[in-house]
Amino acid sequence: MKRFLSLILICAAFAGCKPKAGSGGPPGGFATQVVAVKVSKEAITEQLRVVGSVLANENVDLKPEVDGRVVGIHFEEGQPVTEGQLLVELDSGATGAMLAEAEANQRL
């Protein structure tokens, strides 16, 4: 009896595994479209576009040791400068008057 029951269960399991007629494609019988492209080796150019601000690594503040009006600037922004290079020229009229006054006071 056990063998007979086992045989019935095995037959029922195999009966559910049979393919149904017309089940070779998607529902509705529509064919699936496939697109093929030939693979080729190409160089990839990487670009990055961003918006931002640029800040200098180093900053220098120019402060005069004497008062005066600036009459000439002898450098351009971003240009490298060397030690002792003339950067800013002041009006010699005011400084000349101060020098003459100091020399006159020294003679007294």
PDB file of N, CA and C in Angstrom:
ATOM      1  N   MET A   1       0.824  -1.180   0.000  1.00  0.00           N
ATOM      2  CA  MET A   1       0.000   0.000   0.000  1.00  0.00           C
ATOM      3  C   MET A   1       0.873   1.250   0.000  1.00  0.00           C
ATOM      4  N   LYS A   2       1.937   1.189   0.760  1.00  0.00           N
ATOM      5  CA  LYS A   2       2.826   2.350   0.801  1.00  0.00           C
ATOM      6  C   LYS A   2       3.469   2.572  -0.556  1.00  0.00           C
ATOM      7  N   ARG A   3       3.822   1.494  -1.219  1.00  0.00           N
ATOM      8  CA  ARG A   3       4.442   1.617  -2.536  1.00  0.00           C
ATOM      9  C   ARG A   3       3.457   2.203  -3.531  1.00  0.00           C
ATOM     10  N   PHE A   4       2.236   1.779  -3.453  1.00  0.00           N
ATOM     11  CA  PHE A   4       1.233   2.292  -4.359  1.00  0.00           C
ATOM     12  C   PHE A   4       1.017   3.788  -4.147  1.00  0.00           C
ATOM     13  N   LEU A   5       0.976   4.241  -2.928  1.00  0.00           N
ATOM     14  CA  LEU A   5       0.783   5.656  -2.593  1.00  0.00           C
ATOM     15  C   LEU A   5       1.994   6.480  -3.039  1.00  0.00           C
ATOM     16  N   SER A   6       3.191   5.943  -2.876  1.00  0.00           N
ATOM     17  CA  SER A   6       4.404   6.627  -3.324  1.00  0.00           C
ATOM     18  C   SER A   6       4.415   6.764  -4.834  1.00  0.00           C
ATOM     19  N   LEU A   7       3.980   5.741  -5.551  1.00  0.00           N
ATOM     20  CA  LEU A   7       3.937   5.778  -7.005  1.00  0.00           C
ATOM     21  C   LEU A   7       2.954   6.835  -7.493  1.00  0.00           C
ATOM     22  N   ILE A   8       1.849   6.968  -6.847  1.00  0.00           N
ATOM     23  CA  ILE A   8       0.845   7.972  -7.230  1.00  0.00           C
ATOM     24  C   ILE A   8       1.405   9.377  -6.999  1.00  0.00           C
ATOM     25  N   LEU A   9       2.084   9.593  -5.899  1.00  0.00           N
ATOM     26  CA  LEU A   9       2.656  10.911  -5.608  1.00  0.00           C
ATOM     27  C   LEU A   9       3.751  11.275  -6.610  1.00  0.00           C
ATOM     28  N   ILE A  10       4.572  10.330  -6.994  1.00  0.00           N
ATOM     29  CA  ILE A  10       5.640  10.580  -7.970  1.00  0.00           C
ATOM     30  C   ILE A  10       5.039  10.902  -9.335  1.00  0.00           C
ATOM     31  N   CYS A  11       4.025  10.178  -9.735  1.00  0.00           N
ATOM     32  CA  CYS A  11       3.355  10.441 -11.021  1.00  0.00           C
ATOM     33  C   CYS A  11       2.698  11.811 -11.030  1.00  0.00           C
ATOM     34  N   ALA A  12       2.107  12.189  -9.931  1.00  0.00           N
ATOM     35  CA  ALA A  12       1.457  13.500  -9.845  1.00  0.00           C
ATOM     36  C   ALA A  12       2.495  14.609  -9.935  1.00  0.00           C
ATOM     37  N   ALA A  13       3.662  14.407  -9.351  1.00  0.00           N
ATOM     38  CA  ALA A  13       4.722  15.419  -9.392  1.00  0.00           C
ATOM     39  C   ALA A  13       5.240  15.581 -10.810  1.00  0.00           C
ATOM     40  N   PHE A  14       5.455  14.474 -11.510  1.00  0.00           N
ATOM     41  CA  PHE A  14       5.939  14.553 -12.887  1.00  0.00           C
ATOM     42  C   PHE A  14       4.876  15.098 -13.830  1.00  0.00           C
ATOM     43  N   ALA A  15       3.627  14.877 -13.550  1.00  0.00           N
ATOM     44  CA  ALA A  15       2.552  15.376 -14.399  1.00  0.00           C
ATOM     45  C   ALA A  15       2.504  16.903 -14.355  1.00  0.00           C
ATOM     46  N   GLY A  16       2.879  17.521 -13.238  1.00  0.00           N
ATOM     47  CA  GLY A  16       2.891  18.980 -13.127  1.00  0.00           C
ATOM     48  C   GLY A  16       4.093  19.598 -13.805  1.00  0.00           C
ATOM     49  N   CYS A  17       5.077  18.806 -14.190  1.00  0.00           N
ATOM     50  CA  CYS A  17       6.295  19.317 -14.815  1.00  0.00           C
ATOM     51  C   CYS A  17       6.222  19.340 -16.325  1.00  0.00           C
ATOM     52  N   LYS A  18       5.150  18.853 -16.921  1.00  0.00           N
ATOM     53  CA  LYS A  18       5.046  18.845 -18.375  1.00  0.00           C
ATOM     54  C   LYS A  18       4.928  20.271 -18.898  1.00  0.00           C
ATOM     55  N   PRO A  19       5.657  20.623 -19.996  1.00  0.00           N
ATOM     56  CA  PRO A  19       5.474  21.952 -20.573  1.00  0.00           C
ATOM     57  C   PRO A  19       4.119  22.054 -21.227  1.00  0.00           C
ATOM     58  N   LYS A  20       3.504  23.245 -21.095  1.00  0.00           N
ATOM     59  CA  LYS A  20       2.198  23.482 -21.686  1.00  0.00           C
ATOM     60  C   LYS A  20       2.408  23.924 -23.124  1.00  0.00           C
ATOM     61  N   ALA A  21       1.470  23.666 -23.952  1.00  0.00           N
ATOM     62  CA  ALA A  21       1.558  24.021 -25.367  1.00  0.00           C
ATOM     63  C   ALA A  21       1.516  25.530 -25.528  1.00  0.00           C
ATOM     64  N   GLY A  22       2.425  26.092 -26.348  1.00  0.00           N
ATOM     65  CA  GLY A  22       2.435  27.533 -26.610  1.00  0.00           C
ATOM     66  C   GLY A  22       3.077  28.345 -25.515  1.00  0.00           C
ATOM     67  N   SER A  23       3.872  27.753 -24.645  1.00  0.00           N
ATOM     68  CA  SER A  23       4.484  28.498 -23.556  1.00  0.00           C
ATOM     69  C   SER A  23       5.936  28.856 -23.866  1.00  0.00           C
ATOM     70  N   GLY A  24       6.297  28.985 -25.139  1.00  0.00           N
ATOM     71  CA  GLY A  24       7.676  29.260 -25.519  1.00  0.00           C
ATOM     72  C   GLY A  24       8.046  30.729 -25.453  1.00  0.00           C
ATOM     73  N   GLY A  25       7.148  31.650 -25.286  1.00  0.00           N
ATOM     74  CA  GLY A  25       7.453  33.081 -25.281  1.00  0.00           C
ATOM     75  C   GLY A  25       6.702  33.805 -24.202  1.00  0.00           C
ATOM     76  N   PRO A  26       6.754  35.129 -24.249  1.00  0.00           N
ATOM     77  CA  PRO A  26       6.036  35.906 -23.251  1.00  0.00           C
ATOM     78  C   PRO A  26       4.531  35.789 -23.444  1.00  0.00           C
ATOM     79  N   PRO A  27       3.760  36.140 -22.431  1.00  0.00           N
ATOM     80  CA  PRO A  27       2.298  36.049 -22.545  1.00  0.00           C
ATOM     81  C   PRO A  27       1.794  36.896 -23.708  1.00  0.00           C
ATOM     82  N   GLY A  28       0.786  36.402 -24.383  1.00  0.00           N
ATOM     83  CA  GLY A  28       0.212  37.143 -25.493  1.00  0.00           C
ATOM     84  C   GLY A  28       0.850  36.770 -26.816  1.00  0.00           C
ATOM     85  N   GLY A  29       1.897  35.987 -26.830  1.00  0.00           N
ATOM     86  CA  GLY A  29       2.509  35.526 -28.059  1.00  0.00           C
ATOM     87  C   GLY A  29       3.357  36.560 -28.779  1.00  0.00           C
ATOM     88  N   PHE A  30       3.772  37.667 -28.117  1.00  0.00           N
ATOM     89  CA  PHE A  30       4.597  38.688 -28.765  1.00  0.00           C
ATOM     90  C   PHE A  30       6.070  38.296 -28.720  1.00  0.00           C
ATOM     91  N   ALA A  31       6.772  38.594 -29.797  1.00  0.00           N
ATOM     92  CA  ALA A  31       8.200  38.286 -29.849  1.00  0.00           C
ATOM     93  C   ALA A  31       8.978  39.397 -29.140  1.00  0.00           C
ATOM     94  N   THR A  32      10.091  39.057 -28.532  1.00  0.00           N
ATOM     95  CA  THR A  32      10.950  40.028 -27.861  1.00  0.00           C
ATOM     96  C   THR A  32      11.996  40.521 -28.841  1.00  0.00           C
ATOM     97  N   GLN A  33      12.137  41.846 -28.948  1.00  0.00           N
ATOM     98  CA  GLN A  33      13.114  42.427 -29.875  1.00  0.00           C
ATOM     99  C   GLN A  33      14.472  42.534 -29.177  1.00  0.00           C
ATOM    100  N   VAL A  34      15.524  42.108 -29.875  1.00  0.00           N
ATOM    101  CA  VAL A  34      16.878  42.141 -29.344  1.00  0.00           C
ATOM    102  C   VAL A  34      17.726  43.003 -30.269  1.00  0.00           C
ATOM    103  N   VAL A  35      18.521  43.943 -29.692  1.00  0.00           N
ATOM    104  CA  VAL A  35      19.410  44.795 -30.469  1.00  0.00           C
ATOM    105  C   VAL A  35      20.840  44.413 -30.126  1.00  0.00           C
ATOM    106  N   ALA A  36      21.655  44.158 -31.139  1.00  0.00           N
ATOM    107  CA  ALA A  36      23.052  43.787 -30.925  1.00  0.00           C
ATOM    108  C   ALA A  36      23.947  44.893 -31.469  1.00  0.00           C
ATOM    109  N   VAL A  37      25.015  45.214 -30.750  1.00  0.00           N
ATOM    110  CA  VAL A  37      25.965  46.245 -31.153  1.00  0.00           C
ATOM    111  C   VAL A  37      27.360  45.649 -31.095  1.00  0.00           C
ATOM    112  N   LYS A  38      28.196  45.949 -32.110  1.00  0.00           N
ATOM    113  CA  LYS A  38      29.560  45.450 -32.137  1.00  0.00           C
ATOM    114  C   LYS A  38      30.393  46.235 -31.115  1.00  0.00           C
ATOM    115  N   VAL A  39      31.156  45.547 -30.316  1.00  0.00           N
ATOM    116  CA  VAL A  39      31.988  46.162 -29.290  1.00  0.00           C
ATOM    117  C   VAL A  39      33.287  46.623 -29.930  1.00  0.00           C
ATOM    118  N   SER A  40      33.706  47.885 -29.593  1.00  0.00           N
ATOM    119  CA  SER A  40      34.981  48.395 -30.111  1.00  0.00           C
ATOM    120  C   SER A  40      35.716  49.111 -28.995  1.00  0.00           C
ATOM    121  N   LYS A  41      37.026  49.161 -29.133  1.00  0.00           N
ATOM    122  CA  LYS A  41      37.873  49.800 -28.130  1.00  0.00           C
ATOM    123  C   LYS A  41      38.029  51.270 -28.499  1.00  0.00           C
ATOM    124  N   GLU A  42      37.709  52.177 -27.560  1.00  0.00           N
ATOM    125  CA  GLU A  42      37.814  53.623 -27.779  1.00  0.00           C
ATOM    126  C   GLU A  42      38.402  54.280 -26.538  1.00  0.00           C
ATOM    127  N   ALA A  43      39.051  55.430 -26.763  1.00  0.00           N
ATOM    128  CA  ALA A  43      39.586  56.204 -25.635  1.00  0.00           C
ATOM    129  C   ALA A  43      38.446  56.956 -24.959  1.00  0.00           C
ATOM    130  N   ILE A  44      38.509  57.034 -23.651  1.00  0.00           N
ATOM    131  CA  ILE A  44      37.497  57.757 -22.878  1.00  0.00           C
ATOM    132  C   ILE A  44      38.102  59.068 -22.405  1.00  0.00           C
ATOM    133  N   THR A  45      37.438  60.165 -22.718  1.00  0.00           N
ATOM    134  CA  THR A  45      37.893  61.483 -22.281  1.00  0.00           C
ATOM    135  C   THR A  45      37.075  61.869 -21.052  1.00  0.00           C
ATOM    136  N   GLU A  46      37.771  62.051 -19.941  1.00  0.00           N
ATOM    137  CA  GLU A  46      37.080  62.427 -18.711  1.00  0.00           C
ATOM    138  C   GLU A  46      37.113  63.933 -18.542  1.00  0.00           C
ATOM    139  N   GLN A  47      35.978  64.529 -18.265  1.00  0.00           N
ATOM    140  CA  GLN A  47      35.881  65.958 -18.023  1.00  0.00           C
ATOM    141  C   GLN A  47      35.069  66.187 -16.758  1.00  0.00           C
ATOM    142  N   LEU A  48      35.478  67.211 -16.035  1.00  0.00           N
ATOM    143  CA  LEU A  48      34.766  67.578 -14.822  1.00  0.00           C
ATOM    144  C   LEU A  48      34.520  69.070 -14.874  1.00  0.00           C
ATOM    145  N   ARG A  49      33.277  69.463 -14.832  1.00  0.00           N
ATOM    146  CA  ARG A  49      32.932  70.888 -14.859  1.00  0.00           C
ATOM    147  C   ARG A  49      32.251  71.242 -13.551  1.00  0.00           C
ATOM    148  N   VAL A  50      32.853  72.191 -12.832  1.00  0.00           N
ATOM    149  CA  VAL A  50      32.320  72.601 -11.538  1.00  0.00           C
ATOM    150  C   VAL A  50      32.345  74.118 -11.442  1.00  0.00           C
ATOM    151  N   VAL A  51      31.586  74.636 -10.529  1.00  0.00           N
ATOM    152  CA  VAL A  51      31.566  76.062 -10.252  1.00  0.00           C
ATOM    153  C   VAL A  51      32.166  76.256  -8.867  1.00  0.00           C
ATOM    154  N   GLY A  52      33.071  77.226  -8.729  1.00  0.00           N
ATOM    155  CA  GLY A  52      33.688  77.446  -7.430  1.00  0.00           C
ATOM    156  C   GLY A  52      34.505  78.714  -7.402  1.00  0.00           C
ATOM    157  N   SER A  53      35.213  78.906  -6.328  1.00  0.00           N
ATOM    158  CA  SER A  53      36.081  80.064  -6.140  1.00  0.00           C
ATOM    159  C   SER A  53      37.499  79.578  -5.899  1.00  0.00           C
ATOM    160  N   VAL A  54      38.457  80.359  -6.369  1.00  0.00           N
ATOM    161  CA  VAL A  54      39.859  80.018  -6.184  1.00  0.00           C
ATOM    162  C   VAL A  54      40.451  80.967  -5.153  1.00  0.00           C
ATOM    163  N   LEU A  55      41.143  80.420  -4.179  1.00  0.00           N
ATOM    164  CA  LEU A  55      41.802  81.217  -3.155  1.00  0.00           C
ATOM    165  C   LEU A  55      43.306  80.971  -3.233  1.00  0.00           C
ATOM    166  N   ALA A  56      44.089  82.012  -3.013  1.00  0.00           N
ATOM    167  CA  ALA A  56      45.544  81.894  -3.049  1.00  0.00           C
ATOM    168  C   ALA A  56      46.051  81.134  -1.830  1.00  0.00           C
ATOM    169  N   ASN A  57      47.169  80.433  -2.007  1.00  0.00           N
ATOM    170  CA  ASN A  57      47.796  79.737  -0.877  1.00  0.00           C
ATOM    171  C   ASN A  57      48.431  80.725   0.093  1.00  0.00           C
ATOM    172  N   GLU A  58      48.956  81.834  -0.448  1.00  0.00           N
ATOM    173  CA  GLU A  58      49.639  82.829   0.370  1.00  0.00           C
ATOM    174  C   GLU A  58      49.079  84.211   0.049  1.00  0.00           C
ATOM    175  N   ASN A  59      49.006  85.060   1.057  1.00  0.00           N
ATOM    176  CA  ASN A  59      48.562  86.439   0.895  1.00  0.00           C
ATOM    177  C   ASN A  59      49.581  87.367   1.534  1.00  0.00           C
ATOM    178  N   VAL A  60      49.707  88.557   0.984  1.00  0.00           N
ATOM    179  CA  VAL A  60      50.621  89.556   1.534  1.00  0.00           C
ATOM    180  C   VAL A  60      49.857  90.867   1.649  1.00  0.00           C
ATOM    181  N   ASP A  61      49.972  91.502   2.807  1.00  0.00           N
ATOM    182  CA  ASP A  61      49.396  92.833   3.005  1.00  0.00           C
ATOM    183  C   ASP A  61      50.512  93.856   2.893  1.00  0.00           C
ATOM    184  N   LEU A  62      50.338  94.850   2.031  1.00  0.00           N
ATOM    185  CA  LEU A  62      51.319  95.923   1.882  1.00  0.00           C
ATOM    186  C   LEU A  62      50.887  97.098   2.749  1.00  0.00           C
ATOM    187  N   LYS A  63      51.781  97.506   3.624  1.00  0.00           N
ATOM    188  CA  LYS A  63      51.494  98.645   4.500  1.00  0.00           C
ATOM    189  C   LYS A  63      52.674  99.601   4.428  1.00  0.00           C
ATOM    190  N   PRO A  64      52.410 100.869   4.165  1.00  0.00           N
ATOM    191  CA  PRO A  64      53.528 101.826   4.081  1.00  0.00           C
ATOM    192  C   PRO A  64      54.071 102.178   5.460  1.00  0.00           C
ATOM    193  N   GLU A  65      55.358 102.479   5.501  1.00  0.00           N
ATOM    194  CA  GLU A  65      55.967 102.949   6.739  1.00  0.00           C
ATOM    195  C   GLU A  65      55.773 104.452   6.903  1.00  0.00           C
ATOM    196  N   VAL A  66      55.508 105.131   5.808  1.00  0.00           N
ATOM    197  CA  VAL A  66      55.270 106.583   5.848  1.00  0.00           C
ATOM    198  C   VAL A  66      53.976 106.875   5.111  1.00  0.00           C
ATOM    199  N   ASP A  67      53.371 108.033   5.452  1.00  0.00           N
ATOM    200  CA  ASP A  67      52.162 108.462   4.753  1.00  0.00           C
ATOM    201  C   ASP A  67      52.539 109.043   3.400  1.00  0.00           C
ATOM    202  N   GLY A  68      51.642 108.904   2.448  1.00  0.00           N
ATOM    203  CA  GLY A  68      51.882 109.489   1.136  1.00  0.00           C
ATOM    204  C   GLY A  68      50.860 108.997   0.126  1.00  0.00           C
ATOM    205  N   ARG A  69      50.833 109.668  -1.005  1.00  0.00           N
ATOM    206  CA  ARG A  69      49.904 109.319  -2.075  1.00  0.00           C
ATOM    207  C   ARG A  69      50.642 108.423  -3.064  1.00  0.00           C
ATOM    208  N   VAL A  70      50.010 107.329  -3.462  1.00  0.00           N
ATOM    209  CA  VAL A  70      50.617 106.383  -4.400  1.00  0.00           C
ATOM    210  C   VAL A  70      50.546 106.984  -5.804  1.00  0.00           C
ATOM    211  N   VAL A  71      51.709 107.060  -6.461  1.00  0.00           N
ATOM    212  CA  VAL A  71      51.758 107.592  -7.821  1.00  0.00           C
ATOM    213  C   VAL A  71      52.181 106.521  -8.834  1.00  0.00           C
ATOM    214  N   GLY A  72      52.613 105.372  -8.377  1.00  0.00           N
ATOM    215  CA  GLY A  72      53.012 104.317  -9.302  1.00  0.00           C
ATOM    216  C   GLY A  72      53.017 102.953  -8.635  1.00  0.00           C
ATOM    217  N   ILE A  73      52.543 101.955  -9.379  1.00  0.00           N
ATOM    218  CA  ILE A  73      52.581 100.569  -8.914  1.00  0.00           C
ATOM    219  C   ILE A  73      53.440  99.822  -9.924  1.00  0.00           C
ATOM    220  N   HIS A  74      54.513  99.187  -9.453  1.00  0.00           N
ATOM    221  CA  HIS A  74      55.503  98.581 -10.334  1.00  0.00           C
ATOM    222  C   HIS A  74      55.453  97.052 -10.332  1.00  0.00           C
ATOM    223  N   PHE A  75      54.251  96.497 -10.241  1.00  0.00           N
ATOM    224  CA  PHE A  75      54.072  95.041 -10.344  1.00  0.00           C
ATOM    225  C   PHE A  75      52.658  94.788 -10.806  1.00  0.00           C
ATOM    226  N   GLU A  76      52.411  93.573 -11.289  1.00  0.00           N
ATOM    227  CA  GLU A  76      51.069  93.167 -11.688  1.00  0.00           C
ATOM    228  C   GLU A  76      50.599  92.062 -10.746  1.00  0.00           C
ATOM    229  N   GLU A  77      49.319  92.034 -10.493  1.00  0.00           N
ATOM    230  CA  GLU A  77      48.756  91.046  -9.584  1.00  0.00           C
ATOM    231  C   GLU A  77      49.064  89.640 -10.089  1.00  0.00           C
ATOM    232  N   GLY A  78      49.552  88.791  -9.193  1.00  0.00           N
ATOM    233  CA  GLY A  78      49.893  87.423  -9.542  1.00  0.00           C
ATOM    234  C   GLY A  78      51.324  87.248 -10.011  1.00  0.00           C
ATOM    235  N   GLN A  79      52.030  88.345 -10.286  1.00  0.00           N
ATOM    236  CA  GLN A  79      53.412  88.278 -10.759  1.00  0.00           C
ATOM    237  C   GLN A  79      54.348  88.005  -9.591  1.00  0.00           C
ATOM    238  N   PRO A  80      55.323  87.127  -9.764  1.00  0.00           N
ATOM    239  CA  PRO A  80      56.282  86.906  -8.670  1.00  0.00           C
ATOM    240  C   PRO A  80      57.179  88.135  -8.471  1.00  0.00           C
ATOM    241  N   VAL A  81      57.535  88.428  -7.236  1.00  0.00           N
ATOM    242  CA  VAL A  81      58.406  89.564  -6.916  1.00  0.00           C
ATOM    243  C   VAL A  81      59.605  89.056  -6.132  1.00  0.00           C
ATOM    244  N   THR A  82      60.666  89.847  -6.136  1.00  0.00           N
ATOM    245  CA  THR A  82      61.872  89.468  -5.408  1.00  0.00           C
ATOM    246  C   THR A  82      62.112  90.441  -4.264  1.00  0.00           C
ATOM    247  N   GLU A  83      62.944  90.041  -3.342  1.00  0.00           N
ATOM    248  CA  GLU A  83      63.268  90.879  -2.199  1.00  0.00           C
ATOM    249  C   GLU A  83      63.999  92.128  -2.684  1.00  0.00           C
ATOM    250  N   GLY A  84      63.584  93.273  -2.191  1.00  0.00           N
ATOM    251  CA  GLY A  84      64.219  94.544  -2.538  1.00  0.00           C
ATOM    252  C   GLY A  84      63.658  95.194  -3.796  1.00  0.00           C
ATOM    253  N   GLN A  85      62.729  94.536  -4.485  1.00  0.00           N
ATOM    254  CA  GLN A  85      62.142  95.091  -5.705  1.00  0.00           C
ATOM    255  C   GLN A  85      61.192  96.229  -5.355  1.00  0.00           C
ATOM    256  N   LEU A  86      61.249  97.324  -6.155  1.00  0.00           N
ATOM    257  CA  LEU A  86      60.357  98.467  -5.956  1.00  0.00           C
ATOM    258  C   LEU A  86      58.950  98.054  -6.369  1.00  0.00           C
ATOM    259  N   LEU A  87      58.013  98.129  -5.421  1.00  0.00           N
ATOM    260  CA  LEU A  87      56.644  97.721  -5.693  1.00  0.00           C
ATOM    261  C   LEU A  87      55.718  98.912  -5.876  1.00  0.00           C
ATOM    262  N   VAL A  88      55.819  99.891  -4.968  1.00  0.00           N
ATOM    263  CA  VAL A  88      54.913 101.038  -4.978  1.00  0.00           C
ATOM    264  C   VAL A  88      55.740 102.306  -4.857  1.00  0.00           C
ATOM    265  N   GLU A  89      55.396 103.312  -5.665  1.00  0.00           N
ATOM    266  CA  GLU A  89      56.087 104.605  -5.614  1.00  0.00           C
ATOM    267  C   GLU A  89      55.129 105.640  -5.025  1.00  0.00           C
ATOM    268  N   LEU A  90      55.617 106.354  -4.016  1.00  0.00           N
ATOM    269  CA  LEU A  90      54.812 107.386  -3.362  1.00  0.00           C
ATOM    270  C   LEU A  90      55.170 108.758  -3.914  1.00  0.00           C
ATOM    271  N   ASP A  91      54.249 109.713  -3.755  1.00  0.00           N
ATOM    272  CA  ASP A  91      54.477 111.099  -4.180  1.00  0.00           C
ATOM    273  C   ASP A  91      55.654 111.663  -3.386  1.00  0.00           C
ATOM    274  N   SER A  92      56.677 112.112  -4.107  1.00  0.00           N
ATOM    275  CA  SER A  92      57.882 112.609  -3.436  1.00  0.00           C
ATOM    276  C   SER A  92      57.702 114.015  -2.869  1.00  0.00           C
ATOM    277  N   GLY A  93      56.651 114.718  -3.228  1.00  0.00           N
ATOM    278  CA  GLY A  93      56.424 116.072  -2.723  1.00  0.00           C
ATOM    279  C   GLY A  93      56.239 116.089  -1.212  1.00  0.00           C
ATOM    280  N   ALA A  94      55.389 115.242  -0.695  1.00  0.00           N
ATOM    281  CA  ALA A  94      55.118 115.214   0.745  1.00  0.00           C
ATOM    282  C   ALA A  94      56.328 114.692   1.508  1.00  0.00           C
ATOM    283  N   THR A  95      56.945 113.614   0.990  1.00  0.00           N
ATOM    284  CA  THR A  95      58.105 113.057   1.693  1.00  0.00           C
ATOM    285  C   THR A  95      59.301 113.993   1.587  1.00  0.00           C
ATOM    286  N   GLY A  96      59.438 114.722   0.457  1.00  0.00           N
ATOM    287  CA  GLY A  96      60.531 115.703   0.313  1.00  0.00           C
ATOM    288  C   GLY A  96      60.382 116.836   1.306  1.00  0.00           C
ATOM    289  N   ALA A  97      59.156 117.271   1.533  1.00  0.00           N
ATOM    290  CA  ALA A  97      58.904 118.345   2.494  1.00  0.00           C
ATOM    291  C   ALA A  97      59.210 117.870   3.908  1.00  0.00           C
ATOM    292  N   MET A  98      58.854 116.630   4.229  1.00  0.00           N
ATOM    293  CA  MET A  98      59.148 116.092   5.559  1.00  0.00           C
ATOM    294  C   MET A  98      60.654 115.954   5.752  1.00  0.00           C
ATOM    295  N   LEU A  99      61.390 115.556   4.704  1.00  0.00           N
ATOM    296  CA  LEU A  99      62.845 115.427   4.786  1.00  0.00           C
ATOM    297  C   LEU A  99      63.490 116.791   4.988  1.00  0.00           C
ATOM    298  N   ALA A 100      63.030 117.796   4.254  1.00  0.00           N
ATOM    299  CA  ALA A 100      63.586 119.148   4.401  1.00  0.00           C
ATOM    300  C   ALA A 100      63.329 119.679   5.804  1.00  0.00           C
ATOM    301  N   GLU A 101      62.147 119.411   6.341  1.00  0.00           N
ATOM    302  CA  GLU A 101      61.824 119.861   7.698  1.00  0.00           C
ATOM    303  C   GLU A 101      62.722 119.155   8.718  1.00  0.00           C
ATOM    304  N   ALA A 102      62.944 117.857   8.559  1.00  0.00           N
ATOM    305  CA  ALA A 102      63.793 117.113   9.495  1.00  0.00           C
ATOM    306  C   ALA A 102      65.234 117.610   9.422  1.00  0.00           C
ATOM    307  N   GLU A 103      65.746 117.920   8.214  1.00  0.00           N
ATOM    308  CA  GLU A 103      67.112 118.439   8.075  1.00  0.00           C
ATOM    309  C   GLU A 103      67.231 119.812   8.700  1.00  0.00           C
ATOM    310  N   ALA A 104      66.202 120.652   8.553  1.00  0.00           N
ATOM    311  CA  ALA A 104      66.222 121.988   9.160  1.00  0.00           C
ATOM    312  C   ALA A 104      66.205 121.885  10.681  1.00  0.00           C
ATOM    313  N   ASN A 105      65.427 120.962  11.209  1.00  0.00           N
ATOM    314  CA  ASN A 105      65.369 120.797  12.673  1.00  0.00           C
ATOM    315  C   ASN A 105      66.698 120.255  13.209  1.00  0.00           C
ATOM    316  N   GLN A 106      67.409 119.475  12.416  1.00  0.00           N
ATOM    317  CA  GLN A 106      68.667 118.910  12.854  1.00  0.00           C
ATOM    318  C   GLN A 106      69.735 119.989  12.930  1.00  0.00           C
ATOM    319  N   ARG A 107      69.708 120.994  12.049  1.00  0.00           N
ATOM    320  CA  ARG A 107      70.703 122.069  12.037  1.00  0.00           C
ATOM    321  C   ARG A 107      70.543 122.999  13.242  1.00  0.00           C
ATOM    322  N   LEU A 108      69.410 123.014  13.812  1.00  0.00           N
ATOM    323  CA  LEU A 108      69.202 123.939  14.948  1.00  0.00           C
ATOM    324  C   LEU A 108      69.870 123.522  16.168  1.00  0.00           C
TER     325      LEU A 108
END
